[in-house]
Amino acid sequence: MQSKEYIVDKFKFHMSPAISMYVVWVLLHYVSSHLYLEYCVGNSIYGFVMSIFYVSTPFCQGLSWIIFTGSRQMLGMWIIIGTYVSGKLLYGLFKKKETIPKVE
């Protein structure tokens, strides 16, 4: 029964709001990048010529903002994750070992 509670507790940690927001930013960044390539830049000579007009549209500006902001948010989340893992490692490194008293 203890292992079931342990798994539930770990699942609750993994579904924390911070992790959920990270996943949302990754999805937004991924989708926006593909939409930007498809609708704002194109992959032909026509797309190259028309991109100077498309880039200034609100749709493309919004996609560009999501791509830029998403990449900054993901960078910040890596810093948070690294800090958390470092803290856990340092806590385990400097944690006092329990000593068992000798019986004489």
PDB file of N, CA and C in Angstrom:
ATOM      1  N   MET A   1       0.823  -1.194   0.000  1.00  0.00           N
ATOM      2  CA  MET A   1       0.000   0.000   0.000  1.00  0.00           C
ATOM      3  C   MET A   1       0.867   1.259   0.000  1.00  0.00           C
ATOM      4  N   GLN A   2       2.031   1.160   0.589  1.00  0.00           N
ATOM      5  CA  GLN A   2       2.922   2.309   0.656  1.00  0.00           C
ATOM      6  C   GLN A   2       3.389   2.736  -0.732  1.00  0.00           C
ATOM      7  N   SER A   3       3.644   1.787  -1.604  1.00  0.00           N
ATOM      8  CA  SER A   3       4.140   2.125  -2.933  1.00  0.00           C
ATOM      9  C   SER A   3       3.084   2.864  -3.748  1.00  0.00           C
ATOM     10  N   LYS A   4       1.813   2.529  -3.563  1.00  0.00           N
ATOM     11  CA  LYS A   4       0.743   3.225  -4.272  1.00  0.00           C
ATOM     12  C   LYS A   4       0.685   4.692  -3.838  1.00  0.00           C
ATOM     13  N   GLU A   5       0.787   4.947  -2.548  1.00  0.00           N
ATOM     14  CA  GLU A   5       0.789   6.322  -2.047  1.00  0.00           C
ATOM     15  C   GLU A   5       2.012   7.083  -2.548  1.00  0.00           C
ATOM     16  N   TYR A   6       3.149   6.413  -2.616  1.00  0.00           N
ATOM     17  CA  TYR A   6       4.379   7.037  -3.123  1.00  0.00           C
ATOM     18  C   TYR A   6       4.201   7.467  -4.574  1.00  0.00           C
ATOM     19  N   ILE A   7       3.619   6.595  -5.392  1.00  0.00           N
ATOM     20  CA  ILE A   7       3.408   6.902  -6.808  1.00  0.00           C
ATOM     21  C   ILE A   7       2.430   8.063  -6.958  1.00  0.00           C
ATOM     22  N   VAL A   8       1.372   8.072  -6.170  1.00  0.00           N
ATOM     23  CA  VAL A   8       0.399   9.161  -6.234  1.00  0.00           C
ATOM     24  C   VAL A   8       1.050  10.481  -5.845  1.00  0.00           C
ATOM     25  N   ASP A   9       1.884  10.472  -4.793  1.00  0.00           N
ATOM     26  CA  ASP A   9       2.585  11.690  -4.378  1.00  0.00           C
ATOM     27  C   ASP A   9       3.529  12.189  -5.467  1.00  0.00           C
ATOM     28  N   LYS A  10       4.256  11.295  -6.113  1.00  0.00           N
ATOM     29  CA  LYS A  10       5.163  11.687  -7.185  1.00  0.00           C
ATOM     30  C   LYS A  10       4.400  12.221  -8.384  1.00  0.00           C
ATOM     31  N   PHE A  11       3.245  11.618  -8.688  1.00  0.00           N
ATOM     32  CA  PHE A  11       2.427  12.096  -9.797  1.00  0.00           C
ATOM     33  C   PHE A  11       1.911  13.502  -9.514  1.00  0.00           C
ATOM     34  N   LYS A  12       1.538  13.763  -8.264  1.00  0.00           N
ATOM     35  CA  LYS A  12       1.078  15.104  -7.904  1.00  0.00           C
ATOM     36  C   LYS A  12       2.205  16.106  -8.093  1.00  0.00           C
ATOM     37  N   PHE A  13       3.445  15.739  -7.762  1.00  0.00           N
ATOM     38  CA  PHE A  13       4.576  16.641  -7.969  1.00  0.00           C
ATOM     39  C   PHE A  13       4.774  16.915  -9.449  1.00  0.00           C
ATOM     40  N   HIS A  14       4.704  15.887 -10.253  1.00  0.00           N
ATOM     41  CA  HIS A  14       4.951  16.058 -11.689  1.00  0.00           C
ATOM     42  C   HIS A  14       3.845  16.849 -12.371  1.00  0.00           C
ATOM     43  N   MET A  15       2.682  16.898 -11.800  1.00  0.00           N
ATOM     44  CA  MET A  15       1.591  17.654 -12.386  1.00  0.00           C
ATOM     45  C   MET A  15       1.420  19.010 -11.694  1.00  0.00           C
ATOM     46  N   SER A  16       2.480  19.494 -11.104  1.00  0.00           N
ATOM     47  CA  SER A  16       2.421  20.789 -10.441  1.00  0.00           C
ATOM     48  C   SER A  16       2.196  21.886 -11.473  1.00  0.00           C
ATOM     49  N   PRO A  17       1.721  23.055 -11.056  1.00  0.00           N
ATOM     50  CA  PRO A  17       1.470  24.142 -12.009  1.00  0.00           C
ATOM     51  C   PRO A  17       2.722  24.561 -12.790  1.00  0.00           C
ATOM     52  N   ALA A  18       3.878  24.514 -12.169  1.00  0.00           N
ATOM     53  CA  ALA A  18       5.103  24.908 -12.874  1.00  0.00           C
ATOM     54  C   ALA A  18       5.393  23.962 -14.031  1.00  0.00           C
ATOM     55  N   ILE A  19       5.253  22.675 -13.808  1.00  0.00           N
ATOM     56  CA  ILE A  19       5.500  21.695 -14.863  1.00  0.00           C
ATOM     57  C   ILE A  19       4.440  21.828 -15.954  1.00  0.00           C
ATOM     58  N   SER A  20       3.196  22.052 -15.547  1.00  0.00           N
ATOM     59  CA  SER A  20       2.122  22.223 -16.528  1.00  0.00           C
ATOM     60  C   SER A  20       2.369  23.443 -17.405  1.00  0.00           C
ATOM     61  N   MET A  21       2.811  24.538 -16.815  1.00  0.00           N
ATOM     62  CA  MET A  21       3.094  25.738 -17.595  1.00  0.00           C
ATOM     63  C   MET A  21       4.260  25.510 -18.549  1.00  0.00           C
ATOM     64  N   TYR A  22       5.253  24.744 -18.107  1.00  0.00           N
ATOM     65  CA  TYR A  22       6.383  24.431 -18.985  1.00  0.00           C
ATOM     66  C   TYR A  22       5.900  23.666 -20.217  1.00  0.00           C
ATOM     67  N   VAL A  23       5.042  22.681 -20.003  1.00  0.00           N
ATOM     68  CA  VAL A  23       4.518  21.888 -21.109  1.00  0.00           C
ATOM     69  C   VAL A  23       3.687  22.770 -22.048  1.00  0.00           C
ATOM     70  N   VAL A  24       2.896  23.679 -21.483  1.00  0.00           N
ATOM     71  CA  VAL A  24       2.096  24.588 -22.317  1.00  0.00           C
ATOM     72  C   VAL A  24       3.003  25.473 -23.161  1.00  0.00           C
ATOM     73  N   TRP A  25       4.071  26.025 -22.576  1.00  0.00           N
ATOM     74  CA  TRP A  25       4.982  26.884 -23.345  1.00  0.00           C
ATOM     75  C   TRP A  25       5.695  26.091 -24.435  1.00  0.00           C
ATOM     76  N   VAL A  26       6.064  24.856 -24.153  1.00  0.00           N
ATOM     77  CA  VAL A  26       6.717  24.030 -25.176  1.00  0.00           C
ATOM     78  C   VAL A  26       5.761  23.792 -26.346  1.00  0.00           C
ATOM     79  N   LEU A  27       4.507  23.468 -26.035  1.00  0.00           N
ATOM     80  CA  LEU A  27       3.530  23.238 -27.099  1.00  0.00           C
ATOM     81  C   LEU A  27       3.260  24.514 -27.900  1.00  0.00           C
ATOM     82  N   LEU A  28       3.086  25.640 -27.211  1.00  0.00           N
ATOM     83  CA  LEU A  28       2.862  26.899 -27.908  1.00  0.00           C
ATOM     84  C   LEU A  28       4.034  27.266 -28.811  1.00  0.00           C
ATOM     85  N   HIS A  29       5.237  27.085 -28.310  1.00  0.00           N
ATOM     86  CA  HIS A  29       6.436  27.401 -29.083  1.00  0.00           C
ATOM     87  C   HIS A  29       6.530  26.516 -30.320  1.00  0.00           C
ATOM     88  N   TYR A  30       6.283  25.242 -30.144  1.00  0.00           N
ATOM     89  CA  TYR A  30       6.369  24.293 -31.249  1.00  0.00           C
ATOM     90  C   TYR A  30       5.343  24.603 -32.336  1.00  0.00           C
ATOM     91  N   VAL A  31       4.093  24.782 -31.932  1.00  0.00           N
ATOM     92  CA  VAL A  31       3.021  25.049 -32.899  1.00  0.00           C
ATOM     93  C   VAL A  31       3.243  26.397 -33.581  1.00  0.00           C
ATOM     94  N   SER A  32       3.608  27.411 -32.805  1.00  0.00           N
ATOM     95  CA  SER A  32       3.819  28.744 -33.374  1.00  0.00           C
ATOM     96  C   SER A  32       4.966  28.753 -34.377  1.00  0.00           C
ATOM     97  N   SER A  33       6.014  28.017 -34.091  1.00  0.00           N
ATOM     98  CA  SER A  33       7.146  27.957 -35.022  1.00  0.00           C
ATOM     99  C   SER A  33       6.727  27.382 -36.361  1.00  0.00           C
ATOM    100  N   HIS A  34       5.931  26.327 -36.321  1.00  0.00           N
ATOM    101  CA  HIS A  34       5.481  25.720 -37.572  1.00  0.00           C
ATOM    102  C   HIS A  34       4.483  26.608 -38.304  1.00  0.00           C
ATOM    103  N   LEU A  35       3.600  27.274 -37.557  1.00  0.00           N
ATOM    104  CA  LEU A  35       2.653  28.183 -38.194  1.00  0.00           C
ATOM    105  C   LEU A  35       3.372  29.376 -38.815  1.00  0.00           C
ATOM    106  N   TYR A  36       4.380  29.884 -38.121  1.00  0.00           N
ATOM    107  CA  TYR A  36       5.147  31.019 -38.634  1.00  0.00           C
ATOM    108  C   TYR A  36       5.836  30.643 -39.947  1.00  0.00           C
ATOM    109  N   LEU A  37       6.419  29.478 -39.973  1.00  0.00           N
ATOM    110  CA  LEU A  37       7.082  29.016 -41.197  1.00  0.00           C
ATOM    111  C   LEU A  37       6.083  28.860 -42.339  1.00  0.00           C
ATOM    112  N   GLU A  38       4.919  28.331 -42.028  1.00  0.00           N
ATOM    113  CA  GLU A  38       3.912  28.079 -43.065  1.00  0.00           C
ATOM    114  C   GLU A  38       3.269  29.358 -43.588  1.00  0.00           C
ATOM    115  N   TYR A  39       2.866  30.255 -42.689  1.00  0.00           N
ATOM    116  CA  TYR A  39       2.055  31.403 -43.101  1.00  0.00           C
ATOM    117  C   TYR A  39       2.811  32.728 -43.206  1.00  0.00           C
ATOM    118  N   CYS A  40       3.957  32.842 -42.577  1.00  0.00           N
ATOM    119  CA  CYS A  40       4.654  34.133 -42.565  1.00  0.00           C
ATOM    120  C   CYS A  40       5.922  34.144 -43.415  1.00  0.00           C
ATOM    121  N   VAL A  41       6.504  33.000 -43.670  1.00  0.00           N
ATOM    122  CA  VAL A  41       7.748  32.957 -44.426  1.00  0.00           C
ATOM    123  C   VAL A  41       7.569  32.193 -45.732  1.00  0.00           C
ATOM    124  N   GLY A  42       7.007  31.021 -45.667  1.00  0.00           N
ATOM    125  CA  GLY A  42       6.858  30.208 -46.870  1.00  0.00           C
ATOM    126  C   GLY A  42       8.165  29.534 -47.238  1.00  0.00           C
ATOM    127  N   ASN A  43       8.087  28.606 -48.177  1.00  0.00           N
ATOM    128  CA  ASN A  43       9.302  27.888 -48.585  1.00  0.00           C
ATOM    129  C   ASN A  43       9.477  27.894 -50.104  1.00  0.00           C
ATOM    130  N   SER A  44       9.074  29.000 -50.715  1.00  0.00           N
ATOM    131  CA  SER A  44       9.238  29.130 -52.169  1.00  0.00           C
ATOM    132  C   SER A  44       9.683  30.556 -52.473  1.00  0.00           C
ATOM    133  N   ILE A  45       9.918  30.820 -53.746  1.00  0.00           N
ATOM    134  CA  ILE A  45      10.285  32.175 -54.171  1.00  0.00           C
ATOM    135  C   ILE A  45       9.139  33.141 -53.882  1.00  0.00           C
ATOM    136  N   TYR A  46       7.922  32.690 -54.123  1.00  0.00           N
ATOM    137  CA  TYR A  46       6.748  33.521 -53.818  1.00  0.00           C
ATOM    138  C   TYR A  46       6.706  33.862 -52.323  1.00  0.00           C
ATOM    139  N   GLY A  47       6.972  32.879 -51.480  1.00  0.00           N
ATOM    140  CA  GLY A  47       7.004  33.113 -50.023  1.00  0.00           C
ATOM    141  C   GLY A  47       8.106  34.080 -49.636  1.00  0.00           C
ATOM    142  N   PHE A  48       9.232  33.978 -50.309  1.00  0.00           N
ATOM    143  CA  PHE A  48      10.346  34.892 -50.047  1.00  0.00           C
ATOM    144  C   PHE A  48       9.962  36.328 -50.364  1.00  0.00           C
ATOM    145  N   VAL A  49       9.325  36.536 -51.503  1.00  0.00           N
ATOM    146  CA  VAL A  49       8.919  37.880 -51.921  1.00  0.00           C
ATOM    147  C   VAL A  49       7.808  38.420 -51.023  1.00  0.00           C
ATOM    148  N   MET A  50       6.832  37.588 -50.717  1.00  0.00           N
ATOM    149  CA  MET A  50       5.677  38.031 -49.932  1.00  0.00           C
ATOM    150  C   MET A  50       5.966  38.146 -48.440  1.00  0.00           C
ATOM    151  N   SER A  51       7.062  37.553 -47.980  1.00  0.00           N
ATOM    152  CA  SER A  51       7.358  37.586 -46.542  1.00  0.00           C
ATOM    153  C   SER A  51       7.558  39.008 -46.031  1.00  0.00           C
ATOM    154  N   ILE A  52       8.014  39.914 -46.884  1.00  0.00           N
ATOM    155  CA  ILE A  52       8.195  41.298 -46.438  1.00  0.00           C
ATOM    156  C   ILE A  52       6.854  41.949 -46.107  1.00  0.00           C
ATOM    157  N   PHE A  53       5.777  41.455 -46.707  1.00  0.00           N
ATOM    158  CA  PHE A  53       4.435  41.970 -46.393  1.00  0.00           C
ATOM    159  C   PHE A  53       3.787  41.193 -45.255  1.00  0.00           C
ATOM    160  N   TYR A  54       4.003  39.882 -45.230  1.00  0.00           N
ATOM    161  CA  TYR A  54       3.373  39.037 -44.212  1.00  0.00           C
ATOM    162  C   TYR A  54       3.930  39.292 -42.810  1.00  0.00           C
ATOM    163  N   VAL A  55       5.209  39.564 -42.724  1.00  0.00           N
ATOM    164  CA  VAL A  55       5.860  39.708 -41.416  1.00  0.00           C
ATOM    165  C   VAL A  55       5.245  40.824 -40.585  1.00  0.00           C
ATOM    166  N   SER A  56       4.718  41.850 -41.234  1.00  0.00           N
ATOM    167  CA  SER A  56       4.165  42.984 -40.497  1.00  0.00           C
ATOM    168  C   SER A  56       2.708  42.791 -40.090  1.00  0.00           C
ATOM    169  N   THR A  57       2.077  41.674 -40.465  1.00  0.00           N
ATOM    170  CA  THR A  57       0.678  41.445 -40.093  1.00  0.00           C
ATOM    171  C   THR A  57       0.582  41.099 -38.603  1.00  0.00           C
ATOM    172  N   PRO A  58      -0.561  41.424 -37.979  1.00  0.00           N
ATOM    173  CA  PRO A  58      -0.720  41.105 -36.546  1.00  0.00           C
ATOM    174  C   PRO A  58      -0.593  39.615 -36.245  1.00  0.00           C
ATOM    175  N   PHE A  59      -1.059  38.769 -37.164  1.00  0.00           N
ATOM    176  CA  PHE A  59      -0.962  37.327 -36.963  1.00  0.00           C
ATOM    177  C   PHE A  59       0.500  36.888 -36.855  1.00  0.00           C
ATOM    178  N   CYS A  60       1.330  37.338 -37.770  1.00  0.00           N
ATOM    179  CA  CYS A  60       2.747  36.969 -37.758  1.00  0.00           C
ATOM    180  C   CYS A  60       3.482  37.623 -36.591  1.00  0.00           C
ATOM    181  N   GLN A  61       3.107  38.828 -36.240  1.00  0.00           N
ATOM    182  CA  GLN A  61       3.717  39.486 -35.076  1.00  0.00           C
ATOM    183  C   GLN A  61       3.383  38.715 -33.796  1.00  0.00           C
ATOM    184  N   GLY A  62       2.143  38.254 -33.694  1.00  0.00           N
ATOM    185  CA  GLY A  62       1.744  37.457 -32.530  1.00  0.00           C
ATOM    186  C   GLY A  62       2.506  36.144 -32.456  1.00  0.00           C
ATOM    187  N   LEU A  63       2.640  35.478 -33.592  1.00  0.00           N
ATOM    188  CA  LEU A  63       3.408  34.227 -33.613  1.00  0.00           C
ATOM    189  C   LEU A  63       4.865  34.470 -33.239  1.00  0.00           C
ATOM    190  N   SER A  64       5.420  35.555 -33.742  1.00  0.00           N
ATOM    191  CA  SER A  64       6.803  35.897 -33.417  1.00  0.00           C
ATOM    192  C   SER A  64       6.963  36.149 -31.918  1.00  0.00           C
ATOM    193  N   TRP A  65       5.986  36.830 -31.319  1.00  0.00           N
ATOM    194  CA  TRP A  65       6.033  37.089 -29.874  1.00  0.00           C
ATOM    195  C   TRP A  65       5.972  35.786 -29.091  1.00  0.00           C
ATOM    196  N   ILE A  66       5.091  34.871 -29.503  1.00  0.00           N
ATOM    197  CA  ILE A  66       4.972  33.587 -28.807  1.00  0.00           C
ATOM    198  C   ILE A  66       6.277  32.805 -28.922  1.00  0.00           C
ATOM    199  N   ILE A  67       6.901  32.805 -30.096  1.00  0.00           N
ATOM    200  CA  ILE A  67       8.157  32.085 -30.289  1.00  0.00           C
ATOM    201  C   ILE A  67       9.239  32.668 -29.387  1.00  0.00           C
ATOM    202  N   PHE A  68       9.383  33.986 -29.373  1.00  0.00           N
ATOM    203  CA  PHE A  68      10.416  34.631 -28.560  1.00  0.00           C
ATOM    204  C   PHE A  68      10.152  34.435 -27.068  1.00  0.00           C
ATOM    205  N   THR A  69       8.938  34.723 -26.640  1.00  0.00           N
ATOM    206  CA  THR A  69       8.605  34.611 -25.219  1.00  0.00           C
ATOM    207  C   THR A  69       8.663  33.162 -24.756  1.00  0.00           C
ATOM    208  N   GLY A  70       8.213  32.249 -25.599  1.00  0.00           N
ATOM    209  CA  GLY A  70       8.273  30.829 -25.245  1.00  0.00           C
ATOM    210  C   GLY A  70       9.693  30.344 -25.038  1.00  0.00           C
ATOM    211  N   SER A  71      10.595  30.793 -25.894  1.00  0.00           N
ATOM    212  CA  SER A  71      11.993  30.370 -25.732  1.00  0.00           C
ATOM    213  C   SER A  71      12.594  30.949 -24.451  1.00  0.00           C
ATOM    214  N   ARG A  72      12.227  32.174 -24.102  1.00  0.00           N
ATOM    215  CA  ARG A  72      12.727  32.776 -22.849  1.00  0.00           C
ATOM    216  C   ARG A  72      12.143  32.056 -21.630  1.00  0.00           C
ATOM    217  N   GLN A  73      10.872  31.680 -21.704  1.00  0.00           N
ATOM    218  CA  GLN A  73      10.241  30.967 -20.591  1.00  0.00           C
ATOM    219  C   GLN A  73      10.865  29.589 -20.409  1.00  0.00           C
ATOM    220  N   MET A  74      11.154  28.912 -21.506  1.00  0.00           N
ATOM    221  CA  MET A  74      11.772  27.588 -21.403  1.00  0.00           C
ATOM    222  C   MET A  74      13.180  27.687 -20.829  1.00  0.00           C
ATOM    223  N   LEU A  75      13.908  28.735 -21.193  1.00  0.00           N
ATOM    224  CA  LEU A  75      15.232  28.956 -20.616  1.00  0.00           C
ATOM    225  C   LEU A  75      15.133  29.172 -19.115  1.00  0.00           C
ATOM    226  N   GLY A  76      14.176  29.975 -18.700  1.00  0.00           N
ATOM    227  CA  GLY A  76      13.970  30.213 -17.274  1.00  0.00           C
ATOM    228  C   GLY A  76      13.588  28.942 -16.524  1.00  0.00           C
ATOM    229  N   MET A  77      12.797  28.091 -17.158  1.00  0.00           N
ATOM    230  CA  MET A  77      12.399  26.842 -16.504  1.00  0.00           C
ATOM    231  C   MET A  77      13.588  25.894 -16.343  1.00  0.00           C
ATOM    232  N   TRP A  78      14.511  25.902 -17.298  1.00  0.00           N
ATOM    233  CA  TRP A  78      15.706  25.073 -17.136  1.00  0.00           C
ATOM    234  C   TRP A  78      16.535  25.544 -15.952  1.00  0.00           C
ATOM    235  N   ILE A  79      16.578  26.840 -15.747  1.00  0.00           N
ATOM    236  CA  ILE A  79      17.304  27.378 -14.586  1.00  0.00           C
ATOM    237  C   ILE A  79      16.625  26.935 -13.298  1.00  0.00           C
ATOM    238  N   ILE A  80      15.304  26.970 -13.271  1.00  0.00           N
ATOM    239  CA  ILE A  80      14.563  26.535 -12.080  1.00  0.00           C
ATOM    240  C   ILE A  80      14.780  25.049 -11.828  1.00  0.00           C
ATOM    241  N   ILE A  81      14.706  24.243 -12.884  1.00  0.00           N
ATOM    242  CA  ILE A  81      14.908  22.798 -12.735  1.00  0.00           C
ATOM    243  C   ILE A  81      16.330  22.507 -12.262  1.00  0.00           C
ATOM    244  N   GLY A  82      17.321  23.188 -12.831  1.00  0.00           N
ATOM    245  CA  GLY A  82      18.713  22.988 -12.402  1.00  0.00           C
ATOM    246  C   GLY A  82      18.928  23.378 -10.953  1.00  0.00           C
ATOM    247  N   THR A  83      18.307  24.465 -10.530  1.00  0.00           N
ATOM    248  CA  THR A  83      18.424  24.890  -9.141  1.00  0.00           C
ATOM    249  C   THR A  83      17.786  23.870  -8.209  1.00  0.00           C
ATOM    250  N   TYR A  84      16.629  23.356  -8.585  1.00  0.00           N
ATOM    251  CA  TYR A  84      15.936  22.358  -7.765  1.00  0.00           C
ATOM    252  C   TYR A  84      16.775  21.087  -7.621  1.00  0.00           C
ATOM    253  N   VAL A  85      17.288  20.593  -8.747  1.00  0.00           N
ATOM    254  CA  VAL A  85      18.094  19.362  -8.710  1.00  0.00           C
ATOM    255  C   VAL A  85      19.385  19.592  -7.914  1.00  0.00           C
ATOM    256  N   SER A  86      20.025  20.741  -8.107  1.00  0.00           N
ATOM    257  CA  SER A  86      21.243  21.043  -7.353  1.00  0.00           C
ATOM    258  C   SER A  86      20.959  21.097  -5.858  1.00  0.00           C
ATOM    259  N   GLY A  87      19.838  21.710  -5.497  1.00  0.00           N
ATOM    260  CA  GLY A  87      19.465  21.773  -4.085  1.00  0.00           C
ATOM    261  C   GLY A  87      19.242  20.389  -3.498  1.00  0.00           C
ATOM    262  N   LYS A  88      18.566  19.516  -4.249  1.00  0.00           N
ATOM    263  CA  LYS A  88      18.345  18.143  -3.773  1.00  0.00           C
ATOM    264  C   LYS A  88      19.662  17.395  -3.623  1.00  0.00           C
ATOM    265  N   LEU A  89      20.566  17.573  -4.587  1.00  0.00           N
ATOM    266  CA  LEU A  89      21.858  16.890  -4.496  1.00  0.00           C
ATOM    267  C   LEU A  89      22.684  17.409  -3.329  1.00  0.00           C
ATOM    268  N   LEU A  90      22.708  18.708  -3.144  1.00  0.00           N
ATOM    269  CA  LEU A  90      23.476  19.279  -2.033  1.00  0.00           C
ATOM    270  C   LEU A  90      22.876  18.909  -0.684  1.00  0.00           C
ATOM    271  N   TYR A  91      21.547  18.848  -0.615  1.00  0.00           N
ATOM    272  CA  TYR A  91      20.899  18.453   0.634  1.00  0.00           C
ATOM    273  C   TYR A  91      21.281  17.014   0.976  1.00  0.00           C
ATOM    274  N   GLY A  92      21.287  16.142  -0.026  1.00  0.00           N
ATOM    275  CA  GLY A  92      21.672  14.747   0.208  1.00  0.00           C
ATOM    276  C   GLY A  92      23.146  14.615   0.532  1.00  0.00           C
ATOM    277  N   LEU A  93      23.975  15.496   0.009  1.00  0.00           N
ATOM    278  CA  LEU A  93      25.418  15.430   0.249  1.00  0.00           C
ATOM    279  C   LEU A  93      25.772  15.869   1.666  1.00  0.00           C
ATOM    280  N   PHE A  94      25.113  16.918   2.146  1.00  0.00           N
ATOM    281  CA  PHE A  94      25.452  17.470   3.448  1.00  0.00           C
ATOM    282  C   PHE A  94      24.504  17.054   4.562  1.00  0.00           C
ATOM    283  N   LYS A  95      23.579  16.181   4.275  1.00  0.00           N
ATOM    284  CA  LYS A  95      22.647  15.710   5.283  1.00  0.00           C
ATOM    285  C   LYS A  95      23.397  14.884   6.319  1.00  0.00           C
ATOM    286  N   LYS A  96      23.065  15.134   7.585  1.00  0.00           N
ATOM    287  CA  LYS A  96      23.724  14.382   8.652  1.00  0.00           C
ATOM    288  C   LYS A  96      23.328  12.917   8.570  1.00  0.00           C
ATOM    289  N   LYS A  97      24.320  12.093   8.693  1.00  0.00           N
ATOM    290  CA  LYS A  97      24.065  10.654   8.740  1.00  0.00           C
ATOM    291  C   LYS A  97      23.606  10.301  10.149  1.00  0.00           C
ATOM    292  N   GLU A  98      22.567   9.466  10.223  1.00  0.00           N
ATOM    293  CA  GLU A  98      22.112   9.023  11.530  1.00  0.00           C
ATOM    294  C   GLU A  98      23.105   8.007  12.062  1.00  0.00           C
ATOM    295  N   THR A  99      23.529   8.231  13.261  1.00  0.00           N
ATOM    296  CA  THR A  99      24.478   7.293  13.870  1.00  0.00           C
ATOM    297  C   THR A  99      23.753   6.428  14.880  1.00  0.00           C
ATOM    298  N   ILE A 100      24.136   5.199  14.890  1.00  0.00           N
ATOM    299  CA  ILE A 100      23.537   4.255  15.838  1.00  0.00           C
ATOM    300  C   ILE A 100      24.459   4.192  17.050  1.00  0.00           C
ATOM    301  N   PRO A 101      23.930   4.487  18.235  1.00  0.00           N
ATOM    302  CA  PRO A 101      24.788   4.459  19.431  1.00  0.00           C
ATOM    303  C   PRO A 101      25.255   3.031  19.724  1.00  0.00           C
ATOM    304  N   LYS A 102      26.497   2.938  20.155  1.00  0.00           N
ATOM    305  CA  LYS A 102      27.061   1.641  20.497  1.00  0.00           C
ATOM    306  C   LYS A 102      26.579   1.242  21.899  1.00  0.00           C
ATOM    307  N   VAL A 103      26.223   0.002  21.997  1.00  0.00           N
ATOM    308  CA  VAL A 103      25.820  -0.534  23.302  1.00  0.00           C
ATOM    309  C   VAL A 103      27.007  -1.261  23.891  1.00  0.00           C
ATOM    310  N   GLU A 104      27.409  -0.832  25.069  1.00  0.00           N
ATOM    311  CA  GLU A 104      28.584  -1.466  25.707  1.00  0.00           C
ATOM    312  C   GLU A 104      28.204  -2.235  26.912  1.00  0.00           C
TER     313      GLU A 104
END
